[in-house]
């Protein structure tokens, strides 16, 4: 963003949150080359094949999260 924010400032600034998310997703897309790996890394910390069976506290697996992101992206196109 080019500026420092406190946690409270960041949480109160949706534009800063969006800019940070866009920047991080773009970096991961550049590194991994595909949306499935980006979504998996965001959720599990690992590319899709390695993170598929990871489960969060709500029972969502890495593969389910990737499918949800893929579905959301398809609705945007």
N, C-alpha and C. Protein backbone atom coordinates (compact mmCIF):
# COMPACT_ATOMS: atom_id res chain seq x y z
N UNK A 1 0.82 -1.21 0.00
CA UNK A 1 0.00 0.00 0.00
C UNK A 1 0.85 1.26 0.00
N UNK A 2 2.08 1.12 0.42
CA UNK A 2 2.95 2.28 0.48
C UNK A 2 2.82 3.08 1.76
N UNK A 3 2.07 2.57 2.71
CA UNK A 3 1.95 3.26 4.00
C UNK A 3 1.74 2.23 5.10
N UNK A 4 2.12 2.60 6.29
CA UNK A 4 1.93 1.72 7.44
C UNK A 4 0.57 1.99 8.06
N UNK A 5 -0.07 0.91 8.52
CA UNK A 5 -1.34 1.03 9.21
C UNK A 5 -1.27 0.22 10.50
N UNK A 6 -1.94 0.71 11.51
CA UNK A 6 -2.10 -0.11 12.71
C UNK A 6 -3.13 -1.19 12.39
N UNK A 7 -3.23 -2.16 13.24
CA UNK A 7 -4.24 -3.20 13.04
C UNK A 7 -5.63 -2.59 12.99
N UNK A 8 -5.91 -1.67 13.91
CA UNK A 8 -7.23 -1.02 13.95
C UNK A 8 -7.49 -0.24 12.66
N UNK A 9 -6.49 0.47 12.16
CA UNK A 9 -6.66 1.22 10.91
C UNK A 9 -6.93 0.27 9.74
N UNK A 10 -6.17 -0.82 9.69
CA UNK A 10 -6.35 -1.79 8.62
C UNK A 10 -7.76 -2.39 8.66
N UNK A 11 -8.21 -2.77 9.84
CA UNK A 11 -9.53 -3.37 9.97
C UNK A 11 -10.65 -2.40 9.64
N UNK A 12 -10.39 -1.12 9.81
CA UNK A 12 -11.40 -0.09 9.52
C UNK A 12 -11.34 0.40 8.07
N UNK A 13 -10.44 -0.14 7.26
CA UNK A 13 -10.23 0.36 5.90
C UNK A 13 -10.43 -0.75 4.87
N UNK A 14 -11.67 -0.93 4.39
CA UNK A 14 -11.93 -1.99 3.41
C UNK A 14 -11.07 -1.86 2.14
N UNK A 15 -10.77 -0.66 1.73
CA UNK A 15 -9.93 -0.49 0.54
C UNK A 15 -8.52 -1.03 0.77
N UNK A 16 -7.99 -0.82 1.96
CA UNK A 16 -6.66 -1.35 2.30
C UNK A 16 -6.70 -2.87 2.35
N UNK A 17 -7.77 -3.43 2.88
CA UNK A 17 -7.92 -4.88 2.93
C UNK A 17 -8.00 -5.46 1.52
N UNK A 18 -8.79 -4.83 0.66
CA UNK A 18 -8.90 -5.29 -0.73
C UNK A 18 -7.56 -5.19 -1.46
N UNK A 19 -6.87 -4.08 -1.28
CA UNK A 19 -5.57 -3.89 -1.95
C UNK A 19 -4.57 -4.94 -1.48
N UNK A 20 -4.57 -5.24 -0.20
CA UNK A 20 -3.67 -6.25 0.34
C UNK A 20 -4.01 -7.64 -0.21
N UNK A 21 -5.29 -7.97 -0.24
CA UNK A 21 -5.70 -9.28 -0.77
C UNK A 21 -5.34 -9.40 -2.25
N UNK A 22 -5.60 -8.37 -3.03
CA UNK A 22 -5.26 -8.39 -4.46
C UNK A 22 -3.77 -8.56 -4.66
N UNK A 23 -2.98 -7.86 -3.89
CA UNK A 23 -1.53 -7.95 -3.99
C UNK A 23 -1.06 -9.38 -3.65
N UNK A 24 -1.58 -9.93 -2.57
CA UNK A 24 -1.15 -11.27 -2.16
C UNK A 24 -1.60 -12.34 -3.16
N UNK A 25 -2.82 -12.23 -3.67
CA UNK A 25 -3.30 -13.19 -4.65
C UNK A 25 -2.47 -13.10 -5.93
N UNK A 26 -2.17 -11.89 -6.37
CA UNK A 26 -1.34 -11.71 -7.58
C UNK A 26 0.04 -12.32 -7.39
N UNK A 27 0.64 -12.13 -6.22
CA UNK A 27 1.95 -12.74 -5.94
C UNK A 27 1.88 -14.25 -6.01
N UNK A 28 0.84 -14.82 -5.40
CA UNK A 28 0.69 -16.27 -5.40
C UNK A 28 0.37 -16.80 -6.80
N UNK A 29 -0.42 -16.07 -7.56
CA UNK A 29 -0.73 -16.48 -8.92
C UNK A 29 0.53 -16.46 -9.78
N UNK A 30 1.36 -15.47 -9.58
CA UNK A 30 2.63 -15.39 -10.30
C UNK A 30 3.54 -16.57 -9.93
N UNK A 31 3.51 -16.95 -8.66
CA UNK A 31 4.36 -18.05 -8.19
C UNK A 31 3.84 -19.42 -8.62
N UNK A 32 2.53 -19.66 -8.46
CA UNK A 32 1.97 -20.99 -8.69
C UNK A 32 1.34 -21.17 -10.07
N UNK A 33 0.92 -20.09 -10.69
CA UNK A 33 0.43 -20.14 -12.07
C UNK A 33 -1.00 -20.59 -12.28
N UNK A 34 -1.72 -20.90 -11.20
CA UNK A 34 -3.12 -21.31 -11.40
C UNK A 34 -3.93 -20.99 -10.14
N UNK A 35 -5.23 -20.77 -10.37
CA UNK A 35 -6.11 -20.33 -9.29
C UNK A 35 -6.32 -21.41 -8.23
N UNK A 36 -6.32 -22.69 -8.62
CA UNK A 36 -6.52 -23.75 -7.63
C UNK A 36 -5.40 -23.75 -6.59
N UNK A 37 -4.16 -23.64 -7.05
CA UNK A 37 -3.05 -23.62 -6.10
C UNK A 37 -3.08 -22.35 -5.25
N UNK A 38 -3.47 -21.23 -5.84
CA UNK A 38 -3.56 -19.97 -5.08
C UNK A 38 -4.58 -20.12 -3.96
N UNK A 39 -5.76 -20.64 -4.30
CA UNK A 39 -6.81 -20.82 -3.28
C UNK A 39 -6.35 -21.78 -2.19
N UNK A 40 -5.71 -22.87 -2.60
CA UNK A 40 -5.25 -23.85 -1.63
C UNK A 40 -4.17 -23.28 -0.72
N UNK A 41 -3.22 -22.55 -1.28
CA UNK A 41 -2.16 -21.93 -0.47
C UNK A 41 -2.77 -20.93 0.50
N UNK A 42 -3.75 -20.18 0.04
CA UNK A 42 -4.41 -19.19 0.91
C UNK A 42 -5.06 -19.89 2.10
N UNK A 43 -5.67 -21.05 1.84
CA UNK A 43 -6.44 -21.76 2.87
C UNK A 43 -5.59 -22.70 3.71
N UNK A 44 -4.67 -23.43 3.07
CA UNK A 44 -3.92 -24.48 3.77
C UNK A 44 -2.44 -24.20 3.93
N UNK A 45 -1.93 -23.26 3.13
CA UNK A 45 -0.49 -23.01 3.14
C UNK A 45 0.28 -23.90 2.17
N UNK A 46 -0.46 -24.76 1.44
CA UNK A 46 0.18 -25.68 0.50
C UNK A 46 -0.58 -25.69 -0.83
N UNK A 47 0.12 -25.99 -1.93
CA UNK A 47 -0.57 -26.13 -3.21
C UNK A 47 -1.67 -27.19 -3.14
N UNK A 48 -2.57 -27.18 -4.12
CA UNK A 48 -3.78 -28.00 -4.09
C UNK A 48 -3.53 -29.48 -3.82
N UNK A 49 -2.57 -30.09 -4.49
CA UNK A 49 -2.35 -31.53 -4.30
C UNK A 49 -1.90 -31.86 -2.88
N UNK A 50 -1.09 -31.00 -2.29
CA UNK A 50 -0.61 -31.26 -0.94
C UNK A 50 -1.61 -30.83 0.14
N UNK A 51 -2.43 -29.83 -0.16
CA UNK A 51 -3.35 -29.30 0.84
C UNK A 51 -4.76 -29.84 0.77
N UNK A 52 -5.02 -30.73 -0.18
CA UNK A 52 -6.39 -31.20 -0.43
C UNK A 52 -7.06 -31.79 0.80
N UNK A 53 -6.33 -32.52 1.61
CA UNK A 53 -6.93 -33.21 2.75
C UNK A 53 -6.82 -32.43 4.06
N UNK A 54 -6.20 -31.26 4.02
CA UNK A 54 -6.15 -30.42 5.22
C UNK A 54 -7.57 -30.01 5.59
N UNK A 55 -7.84 -29.94 6.88
CA UNK A 55 -9.20 -29.63 7.35
C UNK A 55 -9.13 -28.50 8.37
N UNK A 56 -10.04 -27.52 8.24
CA UNK A 56 -10.09 -26.45 9.23
C UNK A 56 -11.03 -26.83 10.37
N UNK A 57 -11.20 -25.93 11.32
CA UNK A 57 -12.02 -26.22 12.50
C UNK A 57 -13.49 -26.44 12.17
N UNK A 58 -13.92 -25.97 11.00
CA UNK A 58 -15.32 -26.15 10.59
C UNK A 58 -15.53 -27.42 9.76
N UNK A 59 -14.45 -28.16 9.51
CA UNK A 59 -14.55 -29.38 8.73
C UNK A 59 -14.37 -29.20 7.23
N UNK A 60 -14.04 -27.99 6.81
CA UNK A 60 -13.83 -27.73 5.38
C UNK A 60 -12.45 -28.23 4.99
N UNK A 61 -12.41 -29.07 3.96
CA UNK A 61 -11.12 -29.57 3.47
C UNK A 61 -10.53 -28.58 2.47
N UNK A 62 -9.26 -28.72 2.22
CA UNK A 62 -8.60 -27.89 1.21
C UNK A 62 -9.25 -28.05 -0.15
N UNK A 63 -9.59 -29.29 -0.52
CA UNK A 63 -10.21 -29.51 -1.83
C UNK A 63 -11.60 -28.88 -1.89
N UNK A 64 -12.37 -28.90 -0.82
CA UNK A 64 -13.69 -28.25 -0.79
C UNK A 64 -13.53 -26.74 -0.92
N UNK A 65 -12.55 -26.16 -0.23
CA UNK A 65 -12.33 -24.72 -0.32
C UNK A 65 -11.96 -24.33 -1.75
N UNK A 66 -11.09 -25.09 -2.38
CA UNK A 66 -10.70 -24.81 -3.77
C UNK A 66 -11.94 -24.87 -4.67
N UNK A 67 -12.79 -25.86 -4.46
CA UNK A 67 -14.02 -25.98 -5.26
C UNK A 67 -14.94 -24.77 -5.05
N UNK A 68 -15.04 -24.31 -3.81
CA UNK A 68 -15.87 -23.13 -3.52
C UNK A 68 -15.31 -21.89 -4.21
N UNK A 69 -13.99 -21.72 -4.18
CA UNK A 69 -13.37 -20.57 -4.85
C UNK A 69 -13.57 -20.68 -6.35
N UNK A 70 -13.37 -21.87 -6.90
CA UNK A 70 -13.56 -22.08 -8.34
C UNK A 70 -14.99 -21.72 -8.74
N UNK A 71 -15.97 -22.13 -7.96
CA UNK A 71 -17.38 -21.82 -8.23
C UNK A 71 -17.64 -20.32 -8.16
N UNK A 72 -17.08 -19.65 -7.16
CA UNK A 72 -17.25 -18.20 -7.03
C UNK A 72 -16.62 -17.47 -8.22
N UNK A 73 -15.45 -17.91 -8.65
CA UNK A 73 -14.80 -17.29 -9.81
C UNK A 73 -15.62 -17.49 -11.08
N UNK A 74 -16.22 -18.66 -11.23
CA UNK A 74 -17.02 -18.95 -12.41
C UNK A 74 -18.24 -18.01 -12.49
N UNK A 75 -18.80 -17.66 -11.34
CA UNK A 75 -19.95 -16.74 -11.32
C UNK A 75 -19.54 -15.32 -11.71
N UNK A 76 -18.27 -14.97 -11.50
CA UNK A 76 -17.80 -13.63 -11.84
C UNK A 76 -17.53 -13.46 -13.34
N UNK A 77 -17.30 -14.57 -14.00
CA UNK A 77 -16.93 -14.50 -15.42
C UNK A 77 -18.15 -14.50 -16.31
